[in-house]
Each structure stands twice: as C-alpha cells, then as structure tokens.
PDB file of N, CA and C in Angstrom:
ATOM      1  N   MET A   1      -5.738 -39.595 -68.037  1.00  0.00           N
ATOM      2  CA  MET A   1      -4.391 -39.082 -66.590  1.00  0.00           C
ATOM      3  C   MET A   1      -5.395 -37.925 -65.848  1.00  0.00           C
ATOM      4  N   ALA A   2      -4.494 -37.943 -65.070  1.00  0.00           N
ATOM      5  CA  ALA A   2      -4.666 -37.093 -63.918  1.00  0.00           C
ATOM      6  C   ALA A   2      -4.638 -35.811 -63.665  1.00  0.00           C
ATOM      7  N   SER A   3      -5.954 -35.110 -63.537  1.00  0.00           N
ATOM      8  CA  SER A   3      -5.656 -33.688 -63.582  1.00  0.00           C
ATOM      9  C   SER A   3      -4.674 -33.031 -62.811  1.00  0.00           C
ATOM     10  N   PRO A   4      -4.030 -31.978 -63.008  1.00  0.00           N
ATOM     11  CA  PRO A   4      -2.981 -31.682 -62.095  1.00  0.00           C
ATOM     12  C   PRO A   4      -3.972 -30.839 -61.167  1.00  0.00           C
ATOM     13  N   VAL A   5      -2.797 -30.833 -59.918  1.00  0.00           N
ATOM     14  CA  VAL A   5      -3.576 -29.904 -58.656  1.00  0.00           C
ATOM     15  C   VAL A   5      -2.746 -28.498 -58.907  1.00  0.00           C
ATOM     16  N   ASP A   6      -3.813 -27.643 -58.833  1.00  0.00           N
ATOM     17  CA  ASP A   6      -3.216 -26.466 -58.278  1.00  0.00           C
ATOM     18  C   ASP A   6      -2.801 -25.748 -57.293  1.00  0.00           C
ATOM     19  N   PRO A   7      -1.524 -25.449 -56.711  1.00  0.00           N
ATOM     20  CA  PRO A   7      -1.618 -25.317 -55.142  1.00  0.00           C
ATOM     21  C   PRO A   7      -1.988 -24.261 -54.751  1.00  0.00           C
ATOM     22  N   VAL A   8      -1.976 -22.844 -55.584  1.00  0.00           N
ATOM     23  CA  VAL A   8      -2.611 -22.330 -55.072  1.00  0.00           C
ATOM     24  C   VAL A   8      -4.207 -21.842 -55.043  1.00  0.00           C
ATOM     25  N   ALA A   9      -4.944 -22.931 -55.443  1.00  0.00           N
ATOM     26  CA  ALA A   9      -6.226 -22.872 -55.634  1.00  0.00           C
ATOM     27  C   ALA A   9      -7.010 -23.396 -54.709  1.00  0.00           C
ATOM     28  N   PRO A  10      -7.869 -23.117 -53.896  1.00  0.00           N
ATOM     29  CA  PRO A  10      -8.574 -23.718 -52.581  1.00  0.00           C
ATOM     30  C   PRO A  10      -9.000 -24.928 -52.499  1.00  0.00           C
ATOM     31  N   ASP A  11      -8.332 -25.670 -51.934  1.00  0.00           N
ATOM     32  CA  ASP A  11      -9.050 -27.283 -51.641  1.00  0.00           C
ATOM     33  C   ASP A  11     -10.605 -27.220 -51.419  1.00  0.00           C
ATOM     34  N   ALA A  12     -11.318 -27.933 -52.394  1.00  0.00           N
ATOM     35  CA  ALA A  12     -12.709 -27.752 -52.350  1.00  0.00           C
ATOM     36  C   ALA A  12     -13.399 -28.811 -50.813  1.00  0.00           C
ATOM     37  N   THR A  13     -12.345 -29.705 -50.279  1.00  0.00           N
ATOM     38  CA  THR A  13     -12.453 -30.361 -49.192  1.00  0.00           C
ATOM     39  C   THR A  13     -12.310 -29.490 -47.502  1.00  0.00           C
ATOM     40  N   ALA A  14     -11.958 -28.578 -47.769  1.00  0.00           N
ATOM     41  CA  ALA A  14     -11.286 -27.447 -46.814  1.00  0.00           C
ATOM     42  C   ALA A  14     -12.417 -26.960 -46.270  1.00  0.00           C
ATOM     43  N   VAL A  15     -12.523 -26.618 -45.085  1.00  0.00           N
ATOM     44  CA  VAL A  15     -13.384 -26.161 -44.122  1.00  0.00           C
ATOM     45  C   VAL A  15     -13.312 -25.053 -43.993  1.00  0.00           C
ATOM     46  N   ALA A  16     -13.889 -23.931 -44.070  1.00  0.00           N
ATOM     47  CA  ALA A  16     -13.796 -22.691 -43.841  1.00  0.00           C
ATOM     48  C   ALA A  16     -13.943 -22.453 -42.236  1.00  0.00           C
ATOM     49  N   PRO A  17     -13.142 -21.680 -41.494  1.00  0.00           N
ATOM     50  CA  PRO A  17     -13.252 -21.354 -40.012  1.00  0.00           C
ATOM     51  C   PRO A  17     -14.489 -20.682 -39.802  1.00  0.00           C
ATOM     52  N   ALA A  18     -15.184 -21.033 -38.861  1.00  0.00           N
ATOM     53  CA  ALA A  18     -16.642 -20.484 -38.362  1.00  0.00           C
ATOM     54  C   ALA A  18     -16.207 -19.301 -37.820  1.00  0.00           C
ATOM     55  N   ALA A  19     -17.115 -18.591 -38.227  1.00  0.00           N
ATOM     56  CA  ALA A  19     -17.083 -16.745 -37.581  1.00  0.00           C
ATOM     57  C   ALA A  19     -17.882 -17.064 -36.236  1.00  0.00           C
ATOM     58  N   PRO A  20     -17.062 -16.350 -35.280  1.00  0.00           N
ATOM     59  CA  PRO A  20     -17.872 -15.939 -33.723  1.00  0.00           C
ATOM     60  C   PRO A  20     -19.342 -15.537 -34.084  1.00  0.00           C
ATOM     61  N   GLU A  21     -20.009 -16.209 -33.325  1.00  0.00           N
ATOM     62  CA  GLU A  21     -21.601 -16.023 -33.296  1.00  0.00           C
ATOM     63  C   GLU A  21     -21.786 -14.365 -33.219  1.00  0.00           C
ATOM     64  N   GLY A  22     -22.952 -13.870 -33.600  1.00  0.00           N
ATOM     65  CA  GLY A  22     -23.143 -12.672 -33.660  1.00  0.00           C
ATOM     66  C   GLY A  22     -22.620 -11.592 -34.511  1.00  0.00           C
ATOM     67  N   PRO A  23     -23.636 -10.791 -34.930  1.00  0.00           N
ATOM     68  CA  PRO A  23     -22.916  -9.571 -35.955  1.00  0.00           C
ATOM     69  C   PRO A  23     -22.161  -8.863 -35.265  1.00  0.00           C
ATOM     70  N   ASP A  24     -21.732  -8.905 -34.176  1.00  0.00           N
ATOM     71  CA  ASP A  24     -20.761  -7.770 -33.097  1.00  0.00           C
ATOM     72  C   ASP A  24     -19.463  -8.467 -32.759  1.00  0.00           C
ATOM     73  N   TRP A  25     -19.077  -9.358 -33.538  1.00  0.00           N
ATOM     74  CA  TRP A  25     -17.743  -9.962 -32.824  1.00  0.00           C
ATOM     75  C   TRP A  25     -16.481  -9.028 -32.822  1.00  0.00           C
ATOM     76  N   PRO A  26     -16.306  -8.350 -33.361  1.00  0.00           N
ATOM     77  CA  PRO A  26     -15.062  -7.304 -33.090  1.00  0.00           C
ATOM     78  C   PRO A  26     -15.482  -6.628 -31.220  1.00  0.00           C
ATOM     79  N   ALA A  27     -16.540  -5.930 -31.485  1.00  0.00           N
ATOM     80  CA  ALA A  27     -16.806  -5.630 -29.977  1.00  0.00           C
ATOM     81  C   ALA A  27     -16.966  -6.720 -29.081  1.00  0.00           C
ATOM     82  N   GLN A  28     -16.816  -7.849 -29.237  1.00  0.00           N
ATOM     83  CA  GLN A  28     -17.067  -9.145 -27.935  1.00  0.00           C
ATOM     84  C   GLN A  28     -15.438  -9.245 -27.657  1.00  0.00           C
ATOM     85  N   ALA A  29     -14.777  -9.409 -28.808  1.00  0.00           N
ATOM     86  CA  ALA A  29     -13.519  -9.593 -28.873  1.00  0.00           C
ATOM     87  C   ALA A  29     -12.680  -8.687 -28.024  1.00  0.00           C
ATOM     88  N   ALA A  30     -12.763  -7.491 -28.431  1.00  0.00           N
ATOM     89  CA  ALA A  30     -12.188  -6.368 -27.575  1.00  0.00           C
ATOM     90  C   ALA A  30     -12.947  -6.349 -25.848  1.00  0.00           C
ATOM     91  N   ASP A  31     -14.090  -6.680 -25.873  1.00  0.00           N
ATOM     92  CA  ASP A  31     -14.270  -6.650 -24.540  1.00  0.00           C
ATOM     93  C   ASP A  31     -13.696  -7.969 -23.740  1.00  0.00           C
ATOM     94  N   ALA A  32     -13.607  -8.952 -24.748  1.00  0.00           N
ATOM     95  CA  ALA A  32     -12.835 -10.168 -24.122  1.00  0.00           C
ATOM     96  C   ALA A  32     -11.424  -9.587 -23.510  1.00  0.00           C
ATOM     97  N   VAL A  33     -10.848  -8.786 -24.166  1.00  0.00           N
ATOM     98  CA  VAL A  33      -9.198  -8.568 -24.031  1.00  0.00           C
ATOM     99  C   VAL A  33      -9.261  -7.411 -22.433  1.00  0.00           C
ATOM    100  N   VAL A  34     -10.254  -6.695 -22.715  1.00  0.00           N
ATOM    101  CA  VAL A  34     -10.663  -5.404 -21.651  1.00  0.00           C
ATOM    102  C   VAL A  34     -10.722  -6.423 -20.577  1.00  0.00           C
ATOM    103  N   HIS A  35     -11.254  -7.241 -20.292  1.00  0.00           N
ATOM    104  CA  HIS A  35     -12.051  -8.099 -18.792  1.00  0.00           C
ATOM    105  C   HIS A  35     -10.906  -8.872 -18.732  1.00  0.00           C
ATOM    106  N   LEU A  36     -10.006  -9.486 -19.194  1.00  0.00           N
ATOM    107  CA  LEU A  36      -9.314 -10.178 -19.404  1.00  0.00           C
ATOM    108  C   LEU A  36      -7.707  -9.300 -18.584  1.00  0.00           C
ATOM    109  N   VAL A  37      -7.912  -8.019 -19.402  1.00  0.00           N
ATOM    110  CA  VAL A  37      -6.842  -6.816 -18.792  1.00  0.00           C
ATOM    111  C   VAL A  37      -7.013  -6.548 -17.305  1.00  0.00           C
ATOM    112  N   ASP A  38      -8.293  -6.020 -17.099  1.00  0.00           N
ATOM    113  CA  ASP A  38      -8.926  -5.746 -15.876  1.00  0.00           C
ATOM    114  C   ASP A  38      -8.827  -6.596 -14.948  1.00  0.00           C
ATOM    115  N   GLN A  39      -8.458  -8.150 -15.180  1.00  0.00           N
ATOM    116  CA  GLN A  39      -8.365  -9.321 -14.132  1.00  0.00           C
ATOM    117  C   GLN A  39      -7.171  -9.040 -13.411  1.00  0.00           C
ATOM    118  N   VAL A  40      -6.430  -9.168 -14.566  1.00  0.00           N
ATOM    119  CA  VAL A  40      -4.865  -9.076 -14.413  1.00  0.00           C
ATOM    120  C   VAL A  40      -4.604  -8.297 -13.274  1.00  0.00           C
ATOM    121  N   ARG A  41      -4.714  -6.463 -13.718  1.00  0.00           N
ATOM    122  CA  ARG A  41      -4.304  -5.751 -12.831  1.00  0.00           C
ATOM    123  C   ARG A  41      -5.166  -5.393 -11.672  1.00  0.00           C
ATOM    124  N   GLU A  42      -6.615  -5.928 -11.416  1.00  0.00           N
ATOM    125  CA  GLU A  42      -6.868  -6.251  -9.989  1.00  0.00           C
ATOM    126  C   GLU A  42      -6.304  -7.574  -9.418  1.00  0.00           C
ATOM    127  N   ARG A  43      -5.845  -8.339  -9.574  1.00  0.00           N
ATOM    128  CA  ARG A  43      -4.919  -9.363  -8.809  1.00  0.00           C
ATOM    129  C   ARG A  43      -3.436  -8.506  -8.741  1.00  0.00           C
ATOM    130  N   THR A  44      -3.128  -7.735  -9.427  1.00  0.00           N
ATOM    131  CA  THR A  44      -1.460  -7.283  -9.082  1.00  0.00           C
ATOM    132  C   THR A  44      -1.214  -5.886  -8.627  1.00  0.00           C
ATOM    133  N   THR A  45      -1.661  -5.130  -9.823  1.00  0.00           N
ATOM    134  CA  THR A  45      -1.583  -3.516  -9.675  1.00  0.00           C
ATOM    135  C   THR A  45      -1.819  -3.291  -8.009  1.00  0.00           C
ATOM    136  N   GLU A  46      -3.482  -3.502  -7.979  1.00  0.00           N
ATOM    137  CA  GLU A  46      -4.672  -2.828  -6.858  1.00  0.00           C
ATOM    138  C   GLU A  46      -3.570  -3.500  -5.456  1.00  0.00           C
ATOM    139  N   PRO A  47      -3.670  -4.838  -5.137  1.00  0.00           N
ATOM    140  CA  PRO A  47      -2.863  -5.028  -4.215  1.00  0.00           C
ATOM    141  C   PRO A  47      -1.323  -4.126  -3.740  1.00  0.00           C
ATOM    142  N   ALA A  48      -0.828  -4.322  -4.777  1.00  0.00           N
ATOM    143  CA  ALA A  48       0.652  -2.907  -4.475  1.00  0.00           C
ATOM    144  C   ALA A  48       0.285  -2.132  -4.323  1.00  0.00           C
ATOM    145  N   LEU A  49      -0.710  -1.205  -5.111  1.00  0.00           N
ATOM    146  CA  LEU A  49      -0.891   0.112  -4.621  1.00  0.00           C
ATOM    147  C   LEU A  49      -1.273   0.356  -3.228  1.00  0.00           C
ATOM    148  N   THR A  50      -2.593  -0.777  -2.942  1.00  0.00           N
ATOM    149  CA  THR A  50      -2.864  -0.588  -1.388  1.00  0.00           C
ATOM    150  C   THR A  50      -1.686  -0.920  -0.813  1.00  0.00           C
ATOM    151  N   ALA A  51      -1.093  -1.656  -0.830  1.00  0.00           N
ATOM    152  CA  ALA A  51      -0.098  -1.690   0.277  1.00  0.00           C
ATOM    153  C   ALA A  51       1.462  -0.621   0.275  1.00  0.00           C
ATOM    154  N   LEU A  52       1.128  -0.004  -0.752  1.00  0.00           N
ATOM    155  CA  LEU A  52       2.133   1.162  -0.880  1.00  0.00           C
ATOM    156  C   LEU A  52       1.830   2.660  -0.079  1.00  0.00           C
ATOM    157  N   ARG A  53       0.040   2.528  -0.529  1.00  0.00           N
ATOM    158  CA  ARG A  53      -0.453   3.441   0.193  1.00  0.00           C
ATOM    159  C   ARG A  53      -0.270   3.587   1.965  1.00  0.00           C
ATOM    160  N   ALA A  54      -0.459   2.216   2.425  1.00  0.00           N
ATOM    161  CA  ALA A  54      -0.444   2.111   3.461  1.00  0.00           C
ATOM    162  C   ALA A  54       1.059   2.511   3.982  1.00  0.00           C
ATOM    163  N   VAL A  55       2.226   1.858   3.594  1.00  0.00           N
ATOM    164  CA  VAL A  55       3.297   2.354   3.705  1.00  0.00           C
ATOM    165  C   VAL A  55       3.404   3.960   3.985  1.00  0.00           C
ATOM    166  N   VAL A  56       2.896   4.624   2.952  1.00  0.00           N
ATOM    167  CA  VAL A  56       3.155   5.691   2.815  1.00  0.00           C
ATOM    168  C   VAL A  56       2.234   6.779   4.146  1.00  0.00           C
ATOM    169  N   PHE A  57       1.128   6.240   4.123  1.00  0.00           N
ATOM    170  CA  PHE A  57       0.537   7.131   5.230  1.00  0.00           C
ATOM    171  C   PHE A  57       1.077   6.342   6.915  1.00  0.00           C
ATOM    172  N   GLY A  58       1.474   5.368   6.538  1.00  0.00           N
ATOM    173  CA  GLY A  58       2.325   4.897   8.044  1.00  0.00           C
ATOM    174  C   GLY A  58       3.498   5.719   8.187  1.00  0.00           C
ATOM    175  N   LEU A  59       4.015   6.163   7.376  1.00  0.00           N
ATOM    176  CA  LEU A  59       5.398   6.755   7.526  1.00  0.00           C
ATOM    177  C   LEU A  59       5.101   8.467   7.453  1.00  0.00           C
ATOM    178  N   VAL A  60       4.145   8.823   7.187  1.00  0.00           N
ATOM    179  CA  VAL A  60       3.604   9.997   7.665  1.00  0.00           C
ATOM    180  C   VAL A  60       2.879  10.335   9.037  1.00  0.00           C
ATOM    181  N   VAL A  61       2.375   9.168   8.839  1.00  0.00           N
ATOM    182  CA  VAL A  61       1.918   9.258  10.517  1.00  0.00           C
ATOM    183  C   VAL A  61       2.969   9.073  11.467  1.00  0.00           C
ATOM    184  N   VAL A  62       3.902   8.133  11.381  1.00  0.00           N
ATOM    185  CA  VAL A  62       5.244   8.359  12.216  1.00  0.00           C
ATOM    186  C   VAL A  62       5.616   9.443  12.523  1.00  0.00           C
ATOM    187  N   VAL A  63       5.961  10.455  10.955  1.00  0.00           N
ATOM    188  CA  VAL A  63       6.724  11.542  11.106  1.00  0.00           C
ATOM    189  C   VAL A  63       6.323  12.435  11.847  1.00  0.00           C
ATOM    190  N   ALA A  64       4.535  12.458  11.771  1.00  0.00           N
ATOM    191  CA  ALA A  64       3.974  13.740  12.233  1.00  0.00           C
ATOM    192  C   ALA A  64       3.825  13.173  14.216  1.00  0.00           C
ATOM    193  N   ALA A  65       3.785  12.220  14.675  1.00  0.00           N
ATOM    194  CA  ALA A  65       3.594  11.917  15.851  1.00  0.00           C
ATOM    195  C   ALA A  65       5.202  12.117  16.575  1.00  0.00           C
ATOM    196  N   THR A  66       6.173  11.804  15.537  1.00  0.00           N
ATOM    197  CA  THR A  66       7.390  12.395  16.537  1.00  0.00           C
ATOM    198  C   THR A  66       7.541  13.268  16.517  1.00  0.00           C
ATOM    199  N   MET A  67       7.018  14.585  15.432  1.00  0.00           N
ATOM    200  CA  MET A  67       6.979  15.486  15.141  1.00  0.00           C
ATOM    201  C   MET A  67       6.400  16.354  16.799  1.00  0.00           C
ATOM    202  N   ALA A  68       4.850  15.984  16.762  1.00  0.00           N
ATOM    203  CA  ALA A  68       4.373  16.227  18.511  1.00  0.00           C
ATOM    204  C   ALA A  68       4.918  16.234  19.363  1.00  0.00           C
ATOM    205  N   THR A  69       5.409  14.580  19.453  1.00  0.00           N
ATOM    206  CA  THR A  69       5.904  14.292  20.739  1.00  0.00           C
ATOM    207  C   THR A  69       7.048  15.373  21.039  1.00  0.00           C
ATOM    208  N   VAL A  70       8.312  15.484  20.345  1.00  0.00           N
ATOM    209  CA  VAL A  70       9.370  16.586  20.155  1.00  0.00           C
ATOM    210  C   VAL A  70       8.963  18.213  20.746  1.00  0.00           C
ATOM    211  N   ILE A  71       7.707  18.489  20.065  1.00  0.00           N
ATOM    212  CA  ILE A  71       6.825  19.864  20.523  1.00  0.00           C
ATOM    213  C   ILE A  71       6.362  19.431  21.649  1.00  0.00           C
ATOM    214  N   LEU A  72       5.725  18.786  21.910  1.00  0.00           N
ATOM    215  CA  LEU A  72       5.289  18.711  23.477  1.00  0.00           C
ATOM    216  C   LEU A  72       6.001  18.590  24.492  1.00  0.00           C
ATOM    217  N   VAL A  73       7.017  17.921  24.449  1.00  0.00           N
ATOM    218  CA  VAL A  73       8.410  17.915  25.514  1.00  0.00           C
ATOM    219  C   VAL A  73       8.749  19.671  25.288  1.00  0.00           C
ATOM    220  N   ILE A  74       9.295  20.016  24.262  1.00  0.00           N
ATOM    221  CA  ILE A  74       9.851  21.660  24.642  1.00  0.00           C
ATOM    222  C   ILE A  74       8.909  22.152  25.345  1.00  0.00           C
ATOM    223  N   ALA A  75       7.372  22.580  24.710  1.00  0.00           N
ATOM    224  CA  ALA A  75       6.606  22.970  25.660  1.00  0.00           C
ATOM    225  C   ALA A  75       6.321  22.923  26.899  1.00  0.00           C
ATOM    226  N   LEU A  76       6.513  21.163  27.472  1.00  0.00           N
ATOM    227  CA  LEU A  76       6.281  21.226  28.873  1.00  0.00           C
ATOM    228  C   LEU A  76       7.763  21.422  29.292  1.00  0.00           C
ATOM    229  N   VAL A  77       8.971  21.169  28.929  1.00  0.00           N
ATOM    230  CA  VAL A  77       9.904  22.255  29.612  1.00  0.00           C
ATOM    231  C   VAL A  77       9.810  23.519  29.952  1.00  0.00           C
ATOM    232  N   ARG A  78       9.251  24.224  28.730  1.00  0.00           N
ATOM    233  CA  ARG A  78       8.967  25.824  28.692  1.00  0.00           C
ATOM    234  C   ARG A  78       8.258  26.085  30.081  1.00  0.00           C
ATOM    235  N   LEU A  79       7.188  25.310  29.941  1.00  0.00           N
ATOM    236  CA  LEU A  79       6.221  25.508  31.202  1.00  0.00           C
ATOM    237  C   LEU A  79       6.419  25.247  32.442  1.00  0.00           C
ATOM    238  N   LEU A  80       7.262  24.339  32.507  1.00  0.00           N
ATOM    239  CA  LEU A  80       7.542  23.800  33.882  1.00  0.00           C
ATOM    240  C   LEU A  80       8.770  25.303  34.424  1.00  0.00           C
ATOM    241  N   ASP A  81       9.642  25.456  33.509  1.00  0.00           N
ATOM    242  CA  ASP A  81      10.688  26.203  33.650  1.00  0.00           C
ATOM    243  C   ASP A  81      10.124  27.699  34.167  1.00  0.00           C
ATOM    244  N   SER A  82       8.824  27.897  33.559  1.00  0.00           N
ATOM    245  CA  SER A  82       8.143  29.201  34.097  1.00  0.00           C
ATOM    246  C   SER A  82       7.448  29.175  35.262  1.00  0.00           C
ATOM    247  N   TYR A  83       6.913  28.070  35.681  1.00  0.00           N
ATOM    248  CA  TYR A  83       6.372  27.949  37.189  1.00  0.00           C
ATOM    249  C   TYR A  83       7.209  27.242  38.495  1.00  0.00           C
ATOM    250  N   LEU A  84       8.259  26.606  37.840  1.00  0.00           N
ATOM    251  CA  LEU A  84       8.859  26.079  38.956  1.00  0.00           C
ATOM    252  C   LEU A  84      10.241  27.196  39.585  1.00  0.00           C
ATOM    253  N   PRO A  85      10.593  27.239  40.801  1.00  0.00           N
ATOM    254  CA  PRO A  85      11.414  27.944  40.829  1.00  0.00           C
ATOM    255  C   PRO A  85      12.977  27.199  40.731  1.00  0.00           C
ATOM    256  N   GLY A  86      13.725  27.889  40.205  1.00  0.00           N
ATOM    257  CA  GLY A  86      15.245  27.641  39.891  1.00  0.00           C
ATOM    258  C   GLY A  86      15.565  27.885  38.569  1.00  0.00           C
ATOM    259  N   ASP A  87      16.219  27.164  38.233  1.00  0.00           N
ATOM    260  CA  ASP A  87      17.105  27.136  37.132  1.00  0.00           C
ATOM    261  C   ASP A  87      16.419  26.151  35.909  1.00  0.00           C
ATOM    262  N   VAL A  88      16.838  25.911  34.929  1.00  0.00           N
ATOM    263  CA  VAL A  88      15.980  25.196  33.827  1.00  0.00           C
ATOM    264  C   VAL A  88      16.554  23.554  34.093  1.00  0.00           C
ATOM    265  N   TRP A  89      17.247  23.304  34.772  1.00  0.00           N
ATOM    266  CA  TRP A  89      17.789  21.711  35.377  1.00  0.00           C
ATOM    267  C   TRP A  89      16.261  21.486  35.725  1.00  0.00           C
ATOM    268  N   VAL A  90      15.918  21.884  36.794  1.00  0.00           N
ATOM    269  CA  VAL A  90      14.375  21.496  37.728  1.00  0.00           C
ATOM    270  C   VAL A  90      13.406  21.258  36.643  1.00  0.00           C
ATOM    271  N   ALA A  91      13.322  21.927  35.553  1.00  0.00           N
ATOM    272  CA  ALA A  91      12.212  21.413  34.635  1.00  0.00           C
ATOM    273  C   ALA A  91      12.998  20.162  34.101  1.00  0.00           C
ATOM    274  N   HIS A  92      14.079  20.226  33.696  1.00  0.00           N
ATOM    275  CA  HIS A  92      14.273  18.756  33.436  1.00  0.00           C
ATOM    276  C   HIS A  92      14.727  17.620  34.419  1.00  0.00           C
ATOM    277  N   LEU A  93      14.726  17.959  35.378  1.00  0.00           N
ATOM    278  CA  LEU A  93      14.441  16.618  36.732  1.00  0.00           C
ATOM    279  C   LEU A  93      13.414  16.112  36.650  1.00  0.00           C
ATOM    280  N   VAL A  94      12.446  17.280  36.721  1.00  0.00           N
ATOM    281  CA  VAL A  94      10.731  16.676  36.992  1.00  0.00           C
ATOM    282  C   VAL A  94      10.795  16.051  35.787  1.00  0.00           C
ATOM    283  N   LEU A  95      10.817  16.659  34.364  1.00  0.00           N
ATOM    284  CA  LEU A  95      10.095  15.594  33.531  1.00  0.00           C
ATOM    285  C   LEU A  95      11.079  14.075  32.959  1.00  0.00           C
ATOM    286  N   GLY A  96      12.635  14.282  33.742  1.00  0.00           N
ATOM    287  CA  GLY A  96      13.568  13.077  33.299  1.00  0.00           C
ATOM    288  C   GLY A  96      12.504  11.894  34.572  1.00  0.00           C
ATOM    289  N   VAL A  97      12.259  12.584  35.308  1.00  0.00           N
ATOM    290  CA  VAL A  97      11.816  11.561  36.623  1.00  0.00           C
ATOM    291  C   VAL A  97      10.504  11.104  36.376  1.00  0.00           C
ATOM    292  N   ALA A  98       9.665  11.919  35.463  1.00  0.00           N
ATOM    293  CA  ALA A  98       8.291  11.512  34.831  1.00  0.00           C
ATOM    294  C   ALA A  98       8.175  10.568  33.876  1.00  0.00           C
ATOM    295  N   PHE A  99       9.029  10.634  32.893  1.00  0.00           N
ATOM    296  CA  PHE A  99       9.370   9.850  31.998  1.00  0.00           C
ATOM    297  C   PHE A  99      10.204   8.329  32.392  1.00  0.00           C
ATOM    298  N   THR A 100      10.999   8.488  33.537  1.00  0.00           N
ATOM    299  CA  THR A 100      11.648   7.425  33.393  1.00  0.00           C
ATOM    300  C   THR A 100      10.527   6.627  34.892  1.00  0.00           C
ATOM    301  N   ALA A 101       9.612   7.108  35.290  1.00  0.00           N
ATOM    302  CA  ALA A 101       8.488   6.483  36.365  1.00  0.00           C
ATOM    303  C   ALA A 101       7.651   5.466  35.211  1.00  0.00           C
ATOM    304  N   SER A 102       7.207   6.138  34.198  1.00  0.00           N
ATOM    305  CA  SER A 102       6.231   6.119  32.949  1.00  0.00           C
ATOM    306  C   SER A 102       6.862   4.835  32.399  1.00  0.00           C
ATOM    307  N   GLY A 103       8.579   4.605  31.924  1.00  0.00           N
ATOM    308  CA  GLY A 103       9.005   3.753  31.351  1.00  0.00           C
ATOM    309  C   GLY A 103       8.858   2.237  32.227  1.00  0.00           C
ATOM    310  N   TRP A 104       9.185   2.832  33.628  1.00  0.00           N
ATOM    311  CA  TRP A 104       9.370   1.644  34.258  1.00  0.00           C
ATOM    312  C   TRP A 104       8.030   1.214  34.634  1.00  0.00           C
ATOM    313  N   ILE A 105       6.899   1.876  35.071  1.00  0.00           N
ATOM    314  CA  ILE A 105       5.467   1.037  34.822  1.00  0.00           C
ATOM    315  C   ILE A 105       5.370   0.347  33.777  1.00  0.00           C
ATOM    316  N   LEU A 106       5.725   0.646  32.201  1.00  0.00           N
ATOM    317  CA  LEU A 106       5.308   0.411  31.166  1.00  0.00           C
ATOM    318  C   LEU A 106       5.975  -1.308  31.218  1.00  0.00           C
ATOM    319  N   TRP A 107       7.347  -1.041  31.670  1.00  0.00           N
ATOM    320  CA  TRP A 107       8.088  -2.361  31.877  1.00  0.00           C
ATOM    321  C   TRP A 107       7.631  -3.325  32.207  1.00  0.00           C
ATOM    322  N   THR A 108       7.380  -2.948  33.440  1.00  0.00           N
ATOM    323  CA  THR A 108       6.604  -3.899  34.469  1.00  0.00           C
ATOM    324  C   THR A 108       5.471  -4.541  33.960  1.00  0.00           C
ATOM    325  N   LEU A 109       4.425  -3.949  32.869  1.00  0.00           N
ATOM    326  CA  LEU A 109       3.299  -4.467  32.596  1.00  0.00           C
ATOM    327  C   LEU A 109       4.011  -5.372  31.447  1.00  0.00           C
ATOM    328  N   ARG A 110       4.640  -5.366  31.028  1.00  0.00           N
ATOM    329  CA  ARG A 110       4.996  -5.867  29.610  1.00  0.00           C
ATOM    330  C   ARG A 110       4.753  -7.354  29.682  1.00  0.00           C
ATOM    331  N   HIS A 111       4.787  -8.117  28.808  1.00  0.00           N
ATOM    332  CA  HIS A 111       4.750  -9.699  28.865  1.00  0.00           C
ATOM    333  C   HIS A 111       5.881 -10.347  27.763  1.00  0.00           C
ATOM    334  N   PRO A 112       6.430 -10.936  28.633  1.00  0.00           N
ATOM    335  CA  PRO A 112       7.796 -11.158  27.426  1.00  0.00           C
ATOM    336  C   PRO A 112       7.231 -12.271  26.714  1.00  0.00           C
ATOM    337  N   SER A 113       7.711 -12.588  25.815  1.00  0.00           N
ATOM    338  CA  SER A 113       7.443 -13.650  25.091  1.00  0.00           C
ATOM    339  C   SER A 113       8.782 -14.522  24.656  1.00  0.00           C
ATOM    340  N   GLY A 114       8.214 -15.764  24.960  1.00  0.00           N
ATOM    341  CA  GLY A 114       8.869 -16.934  25.054  1.00  0.00           C
ATOM    342  C   GLY A 114       8.693 -17.686  26.211  1.00  0.00           C
TER     343      GLY A 114
END
C-alpha cells in the first residue's frame, strides 16, 4: 500500500526560498525602500516646490514693485507741486505729459508679433 501523504508536513522535494546575500539584509531592504522613496520625491515633489516658490516670489516682487511705483509717483507729484508755480494740476499735467511721452516712445519701439 501507498503511504498516506500528510498535507501539513513539508514536502521533501520543495526548495526553500534563498535568503538575500549578506548578514544585514534587513538594512539593505530598508535602504532600497528609502532610495526608491527619495527618487520618487526627487522627481515629483521637488519640481513642484520649485515652481511654487517661483510663483510666490514673483508675486511678492510684483506687489513690491507696484507699491514702489505708486509711492514714487506720489513723491513726484508732491515734489513738483512744491517747486512749480500754480496749483497741483500743474504737477499732474507735467507728469501726465511725461508718462504719455514715455508710453508713446515705448509703443513706437515695440516689435509687433505676426
């Protein structure tokens, strides 16, 4: 008669899985996972952070430049009002002519696309 096969007993012909080389395989596995996570972060998170920093710093520069321009125009109006004869409309007229002339010059120097 054939001997019964015990389903719980290990099969003598089965091969045990090979252990990774080196005595410190848990540390090697952890290093591999950390390396993979660092690569994913390097390719996804860091470019997004760089782009967001550029947007934030750009907005800060735009707001600061706008405020500086407004303060400069106010200072020019007050300075011209102090030194030119007449009321404040003379200072407004002088600055209006200067801004219009500079805008006209820049408009003539543009390179139209198309």
